[in-house]
Amino acid sequence: MRPKNVAVLMGGISQEREISLRSGTAVAKALEAAGFHAFCVDVKDKKIEELDTREPDVAFIALHGYFGEDGSVQQLLESKGIPYTGSGVKASRIAMDKLATKRCFIEAGLETPEYITVTRSQELIEIQHEVRRFGLPVILKPQKNGSSIGISVVKDMKNLAGGLEKAFEFGYEVLIERYIKSRELTVGILDNTALPVVEIKPAAEFFNYDAKYRDTRTEYLIAETASRKDSVHTTGFLSSFLYNYAQKLALNAHKVLGCRGMSRVDMLLDNNGNLFLLEVNTIPGFTEKSLLPKAAQAAGIPFPSLCKKIIDLALENTCIHVNERYK
């Protein structure tokens, strides 16, 4: 059987273009090492006409943010009849929308931080009143964005206006979430299996864009299980119960949103040992700092094998799709 021709979609038209180019380059190199014929497609518009002439067997989506993770490129690929990696249109759309994701978690009985929403049409004094009633500190998040772009922590009302202005640059509605003093954990999902838990020790107050991609002081620790009672407060260690529960919670979140193939689920662990879901990333990063590849490596899956597995899952899903259509 000849090696599959894989179009690696990278770049894109969102603010995460720089990261996507790095992800795509790493994926293409790994796929070549795994025996595929991979070619990079720098996505600069919503048509991607290069796909019509190159006729790939499958597309590996390494796009982040708008038009990459929101179901748009997935819909385009389906219209062109090209199998693709990761989640489908609906799951991608929901996961990209923080408010829709929250509602899915709550409906399924999964813990997530308390929140309120505000809109650009509201007067500042009205929003201030809502926030005072909700209580500081809070985290402001654009409803739809990735890589922690537009997010800020507000501990004093005098900083609220600036945080809102920053968040409203990316949409009409902003999520105001209760700030939880916590440890940041993430769990990768591959083929409906939870990978090892990773703890993030950001150089900044929270895991923002600079902490993710620019600050070399940010640490990523593969969590270890410990019987010690203080494991809730000990960096890099979790009790067996919390470790297993984090994996179970991540897999539930992945399934509740209808994701497939792979994802990365972010969560918080507070000082009382409670876990809170934040979001599901349907197209995790594939850079040298990215968390899904780190977790896979810890599970004994080298990067080329991870990329191959993701391609295999995409083709397998296409076969299932076709068979169901003709039942």
Protein backbone atom coordinates (compact mmCIF):
# COMPACT_ATOMS: atom_id res chain seq x y z
CA MET A 1 0.00 0.00 0.00
CA ARG A 2 1.41 3.39 -0.98
CA PRO A 3 2.07 5.98 1.75
CA LYS A 4 -0.83 8.37 2.24
CA ASN A 5 -0.50 11.93 0.93
CA VAL A 6 -1.17 14.24 3.86
CA ALA A 7 -1.90 17.94 3.61
CA VAL A 8 -0.75 19.65 6.79
CA LEU A 9 -2.91 22.74 7.18
CA MET A 10 -1.00 25.44 9.04
CA GLY A 11 -0.77 29.19 9.48
CA GLY A 12 -4.34 30.33 9.15
CA ILE A 13 -6.06 33.67 9.54
CA SER A 14 -6.36 33.90 13.32
CA GLN A 15 -4.11 35.62 15.83
CA GLU A 16 -2.57 32.23 16.54
CA ARG A 17 -0.99 32.04 13.08
CA GLU A 18 2.59 32.12 14.40
CA ILE A 19 2.00 29.16 16.72
CA SER A 20 0.16 27.25 14.00
CA LEU A 21 3.11 27.59 11.60
CA ARG A 22 5.36 26.07 14.24
CA SER A 23 2.87 23.27 14.94
CA GLY A 24 2.43 22.48 11.25
CA THR A 25 6.16 22.39 10.56
CA ALA A 26 6.72 19.96 13.43
CA VAL A 27 3.82 17.73 12.31
CA ALA A 28 4.99 17.59 8.67
CA LYS A 29 8.46 16.54 9.76
CA ALA A 30 7.05 13.86 12.08
CA LEU A 31 4.72 12.48 9.40
CA GLU A 32 7.59 12.17 6.94
CA ALA A 33 9.51 10.24 9.61
CA ALA A 34 6.45 8.00 10.05
CA GLY A 35 6.40 7.13 6.33
CA PHE A 36 3.78 9.53 4.93
CA HIS A 37 4.10 11.93 2.02
CA ALA A 38 3.37 15.18 3.86
CA PHE A 39 3.15 18.61 2.30
CA CYS A 40 2.49 21.89 4.09
CA VAL A 41 -0.38 24.15 3.11
CA ASP A 42 -0.07 27.69 4.44
CA VAL A 43 -3.69 28.71 4.89
CA LYS A 44 -4.17 32.40 4.09
CA ASP A 45 -7.86 32.49 3.20
CA LYS A 46 -11.08 30.52 3.62
CA LYS A 47 -10.95 28.79 0.21
CA ILE A 48 -7.68 26.82 0.44
CA GLU A 49 -7.74 26.24 -3.33
CA GLU A 50 -4.39 24.42 -3.17
CA LEU A 51 -6.29 21.39 -1.86
CA ASP A 52 -8.21 21.16 -5.17
CA THR A 53 -5.02 20.66 -7.17
CA ARG A 54 -2.97 18.59 -4.71
CA GLU A 55 -5.78 16.09 -3.91
CA PRO A 56 -4.58 14.82 -0.50
CA ASP A 57 -5.79 11.54 0.98
CA VAL A 58 -6.26 13.22 4.34
CA ALA A 59 -5.73 16.62 5.96
CA PHE A 60 -3.91 17.06 9.25
CA ILE A 61 -5.35 20.23 10.79
CA ALA A 62 -2.65 22.15 12.65
CA LEU A 63 -4.63 25.40 12.61
CA HIS A 64 -5.47 27.17 15.87
CA GLY A 65 -8.21 29.65 16.71
CA TYR A 66 -10.64 31.20 14.24
CA PHE A 67 -11.23 29.11 11.08
CA GLY A 68 -9.12 26.32 12.55
CA GLU A 69 -10.82 25.13 15.70
CA ASP A 70 -14.32 26.56 15.29
CA GLY A 71 -15.71 24.06 12.79
CA SER A 72 -15.21 26.26 9.74
CA VAL A 73 -12.27 24.49 8.12
CA GLN A 74 -13.82 21.16 9.09
CA GLN A 75 -16.96 22.10 7.17
CA LEU A 76 -14.87 23.17 4.16
CA LEU A 77 -12.97 19.87 4.15
CA GLU A 78 -16.21 17.90 4.31
CA SER A 79 -17.52 19.85 1.32
CA LYS A 80 -14.35 18.88 -0.58
CA GLY A 81 -14.65 15.24 0.49
CA ILE A 82 -11.30 15.27 2.32
CA PRO A 83 -10.96 13.26 5.56
CA TYR A 84 -9.42 15.31 8.37
CA THR A 85 -7.95 14.91 11.82
CA GLY A 86 -9.66 15.73 15.08
CA SER A 87 -13.23 16.56 15.97
CA GLY A 88 -16.12 17.21 13.62
CA VAL A 89 -17.91 20.45 12.84
CA LYS A 90 -20.34 20.49 15.77
CA ALA A 91 -17.89 19.50 18.50
CA SER A 92 -15.31 21.94 17.18
CA ARG A 93 -17.84 24.77 17.21
CA ILE A 94 -18.94 24.03 20.78
CA ALA A 95 -15.42 23.61 22.18
CA MET A 96 -14.30 26.93 20.67
CA ASP A 97 -17.19 28.69 22.42
CA LYS A 98 -16.38 28.98 26.13
CA LEU A 99 -19.99 29.71 27.06
CA ALA A 100 -21.38 26.76 25.07
CA THR A 101 -18.71 24.55 26.64
CA LYS A 102 -19.66 25.71 30.14
CA ARG A 103 -23.31 24.93 29.49
CA CYS A 104 -22.44 21.43 28.27
CA PHE A 105 -20.34 20.79 31.38
CA ILE A 106 -23.06 22.03 33.72
CA GLU A 107 -25.79 20.05 31.93
CA ALA A 108 -23.66 16.91 32.30
CA GLY A 109 -23.01 17.59 35.99
CA LEU A 110 -19.29 18.24 35.52
CA GLU A 111 -17.65 20.79 37.83
CA THR A 112 -16.54 24.07 36.29
CA PRO A 113 -15.82 27.47 37.90
CA GLU A 114 -18.83 29.74 38.53
CA TYR A 115 -19.33 32.48 35.97
CA ILE A 116 -21.43 35.32 34.64
CA THR A 117 -21.46 36.88 31.18
CA VAL A 118 -21.53 40.51 30.07
CA THR A 119 -21.87 42.15 26.65
CA ARG A 120 -20.32 45.11 24.90
CA SER A 121 -23.68 46.89 24.83
CA GLN A 122 -23.80 47.12 28.64
CA GLU A 123 -22.68 50.30 30.42
CA LEU A 124 -19.50 49.98 32.49
CA ILE A 125 -21.34 50.96 35.66
CA GLU A 126 -23.81 48.11 35.11
CA ILE A 127 -20.99 45.60 34.61
CA GLN A 128 -19.22 46.92 37.70
CA HIS A 129 -22.38 46.35 39.69
CA GLU A 130 -22.66 42.76 38.42
CA VAL A 131 -19.01 42.05 39.21
CA ARG A 132 -19.30 43.49 42.74
CA ARG A 133 -22.29 41.26 43.34
CA PHE A 134 -20.42 38.26 41.89
CA GLY A 135 -17.26 39.04 43.87
CA LEU A 136 -13.58 39.63 43.11
CA PRO A 137 -11.13 38.34 42.06
CA VAL A 138 -12.29 37.21 38.60
CA ILE A 139 -10.87 36.15 35.26
CA LEU A 140 -12.13 37.85 32.11
CA LYS A 141 -12.24 35.67 28.99
CA PRO A 142 -13.40 36.38 25.43
CA GLN A 143 -16.21 33.99 24.56
CA LYS A 144 -14.31 32.64 21.55
CA ASN A 145 -10.54 32.62 21.41
CA GLY A 146 -7.57 30.38 22.06
CA SER A 147 -4.04 30.46 23.50
CA SER A 148 -5.32 32.61 26.40
CA ILE A 149 -5.42 35.66 24.11
CA GLY A 150 -7.49 38.50 25.58
CA ILE A 151 -7.64 36.96 29.06
CA SER A 152 -6.82 38.88 32.24
CA VAL A 153 -7.12 38.50 36.01
CA VAL A 154 -8.94 41.33 37.81
CA LYS A 155 -8.41 41.66 41.55
CA ASP A 156 -9.32 45.34 41.87
CA MET A 157 -12.30 47.17 40.36
CA LYS A 158 -10.00 49.87 39.01
CA ASN A 159 -8.57 47.30 36.58
CA LEU A 160 -11.94 46.06 35.35
CA ALA A 161 -12.40 48.57 32.53
CA GLY A 162 -8.99 47.79 31.04
CA GLY A 163 -9.60 44.06 31.24
CA LEU A 164 -13.00 44.40 29.58
CA GLU A 165 -11.58 46.54 26.78
CA LYS A 166 -8.95 43.88 26.12
CA ALA A 167 -11.48 41.04 26.10
CA PHE A 168 -14.10 42.86 23.99
CA GLU A 169 -11.53 43.19 21.18
CA PHE A 170 -12.32 39.56 20.37
CA GLY A 171 -16.10 39.47 20.51
CA TYR A 172 -19.40 40.85 21.73
CA GLU A 173 -19.69 38.70 24.85
CA VAL A 174 -17.21 38.18 27.69
CA LEU A 175 -17.12 35.40 30.26
CA ILE A 176 -16.39 36.52 33.82
CA GLU A 177 -15.23 33.51 35.78
CA ARG A 178 -14.54 33.15 39.49
CA TYR A 179 -10.80 33.16 40.15
CA ILE A 180 -9.69 29.99 41.92
CA LYS A 181 -6.32 29.81 43.64
CA SER A 182 -5.18 26.50 42.27
CA ARG A 183 -2.77 24.28 40.43
CA GLU A 184 -3.18 24.03 36.66
CA LEU A 185 -3.50 20.54 35.18
CA THR A 186 -4.06 19.27 31.68
CA VAL A 187 -4.94 15.82 30.37
CA GLY A 188 -4.52 14.75 26.76
CA ILE A 189 -7.03 12.38 25.18
CA LEU A 190 -6.03 10.03 22.37
CA ASP A 191 -8.46 7.51 20.89
CA ASN A 192 -10.80 7.76 23.89
CA THR A 193 -7.95 7.08 26.31
CA ALA A 194 -6.63 9.57 28.86
CA LEU A 195 -2.88 10.21 28.68
CA PRO A 196 -0.68 10.97 31.72
CA VAL A 197 -1.64 14.08 33.70
CA VAL A 198 0.59 17.11 33.16
CA GLU A 199 0.94 19.95 35.68
CA ILE A 200 1.69 23.43 34.37
CA LYS A 201 3.77 25.81 36.46
CA PRO A 202 3.38 29.09 34.56
CA ALA A 203 5.95 31.83 34.96
CA ALA A 204 3.07 34.33 35.07
CA GLU A 205 0.09 34.46 37.45
CA PHE A 206 -1.80 32.19 35.08
CA PHE A 207 -1.04 30.27 31.89
CA ASN A 208 -1.30 33.22 29.48
CA TYR A 209 0.07 33.57 25.94
CA ASP A 210 3.55 34.69 27.03
CA ALA A 211 3.79 31.93 29.63
CA LYS A 212 2.79 29.37 26.99
CA TYR A 213 5.03 30.39 24.13
CA ARG A 214 7.66 32.94 25.16
CA ASP A 215 8.67 32.63 28.80
CA THR A 216 11.28 29.91 29.25
CA ARG A 217 10.59 29.78 33.01
CA THR A 218 7.24 28.02 32.56
CA GLU A 219 7.54 24.39 33.65
CA TYR A 220 5.60 21.31 32.51
CA LEU A 221 5.70 18.39 34.91
CA ILE A 222 4.42 14.90 34.26
CA ALA A 223 2.42 14.33 37.43
CA GLU A 224 3.33 11.44 39.70
CA THR A 225 1.05 9.66 42.12
CA ALA A 226 1.83 9.91 45.83
CA SER A 227 0.32 8.52 48.99
CA ARG A 228 1.34 11.59 50.98
CA LYS A 229 -1.52 13.53 52.50
CA ASP A 230 -0.25 16.91 51.31
CA SER A 231 -0.26 15.86 47.63
CA VAL A 232 -2.93 18.51 46.91
CA HIS A 233 -0.29 21.16 47.66
CA THR A 234 2.83 19.40 46.38
CA THR A 235 3.88 20.37 42.87
CA GLY A 236 4.21 17.45 40.50
CA PHE A 237 2.46 15.02 42.83
CA LEU A 238 -1.18 13.92 43.04
CA SER A 239 -2.86 11.28 45.16
CA SER A 240 -3.85 8.18 43.20
CA PHE A 241 -7.49 9.21 43.62
CA LEU A 242 -6.98 12.72 42.22
CA TYR A 243 -4.77 11.46 39.39
CA ASN A 244 -7.36 8.91 38.27
CA TYR A 245 -10.22 11.35 38.76
CA ALA A 246 -8.47 14.00 36.62
CA GLN A 247 -8.14 11.46 33.81
CA LYS A 248 -11.77 10.37 34.18
CA LEU A 249 -13.00 13.97 34.24
CA ALA A 250 -11.01 14.81 31.12
CA LEU A 251 -12.38 11.82 29.21
CA ASN A 252 -15.93 12.72 30.26
CA ALA A 253 -15.45 16.30 29.07
CA HIS A 254 -14.09 15.05 25.73
CA LYS A 255 -17.12 12.80 25.26
CA VAL A 256 -19.72 15.31 26.50
CA LEU A 257 -18.66 17.76 23.80
CA GLY A 258 -18.70 15.01 21.18
CA CYS A 259 -14.99 15.21 20.42
CA ARG A 260 -13.13 12.52 18.54
CA GLY A 261 -9.56 11.49 17.75
CA MET A 262 -7.64 13.63 20.20
CA SER A 263 -8.05 16.65 22.44
CA ARG A 264 -6.49 18.28 25.47
CA VAL A 265 -8.59 19.08 28.52
CA ASP A 266 -7.54 21.86 30.90
CA MET A 267 -8.60 21.95 34.55
CA LEU A 268 -7.83 23.46 37.95
CA LEU A 269 -7.12 21.74 41.26
CA ASP A 270 -7.95 23.96 44.24
CA ASN A 271 -6.45 23.83 47.72
CA ASN A 272 -9.28 21.63 48.97
CA GLY A 273 -8.68 18.92 46.38
CA ASN A 274 -11.56 19.91 44.08
CA LEU A 275 -11.15 19.69 40.30
CA PHE A 276 -12.78 22.22 37.96
CA LEU A 277 -12.96 21.89 34.18
CA LEU A 278 -11.91 24.92 32.13
CA GLU A 279 -12.02 23.93 28.46
CA VAL A 280 -11.41 21.29 25.83
CA ASN A 281 -8.88 22.06 23.09
CA THR A 282 -9.90 20.14 19.98
CA ILE A 283 -6.67 21.04 18.15
CA PRO A 284 -3.92 21.13 20.78
CA GLY A 285 -0.57 22.65 19.95
CA PHE A 286 2.13 20.59 18.31
CA THR A 287 5.12 22.84 19.01
CA GLU A 288 8.23 21.88 20.97
CA LYS A 289 6.50 23.18 24.11
CA SER A 290 3.12 21.61 23.48
CA LEU A 291 1.43 19.50 26.09
CA LEU A 292 -0.27 16.70 24.16
CA PRO A 293 3.05 15.50 22.64
CA LYS A 294 4.66 15.67 26.09
CA ALA A 295 1.91 13.54 27.61
CA ALA A 296 2.05 11.07 24.72
CA GLN A 297 5.82 10.78 25.11
CA ALA A 298 5.33 10.01 28.80
CA ALA A 299 2.91 7.25 27.75
CA GLY A 300 5.59 5.76 25.48
CA ILE A 301 4.28 7.27 22.23
CA PRO A 302 7.00 9.16 20.30
CA PHE A 303 5.93 12.24 18.32
CA PRO A 304 5.97 10.55 14.86
CA SER A 305 3.87 7.68 16.23
CA LEU A 306 1.44 10.18 17.78
CA CYS A 307 0.98 11.97 14.46
CA LYS A 308 0.52 8.65 12.64
CA LYS A 309 -2.08 7.54 15.18
CA ILE A 310 -4.01 10.79 14.70
CA ILE A 311 -4.01 10.22 10.92
CA ASP A 312 -5.13 6.60 11.38
CA LEU A 313 -8.01 7.76 13.59
CA ALA A 314 -9.07 10.32 10.98
CA LEU A 315 -9.22 7.67 8.24
CA GLU A 316 -10.94 5.19 10.54
CA ASN A 317 -13.57 7.77 11.40
CA THR A 318 -14.16 8.45 7.70
CA CYS A 319 -14.79 4.74 7.07
CA ILE A 320 -17.28 4.61 9.95
CA HIS A 321 -18.98 7.73 8.60
CA VAL A 322 -19.34 6.24 5.12
CA ASN A 323 -20.58 2.87 6.41
CA GLU A 324 -23.22 4.55 8.60
CA ARG A 325 -24.38 6.67 5.67
CA TYR A 326 -25.12 3.60 3.56
CA LYS A 327 -26.73 1.39 6.22
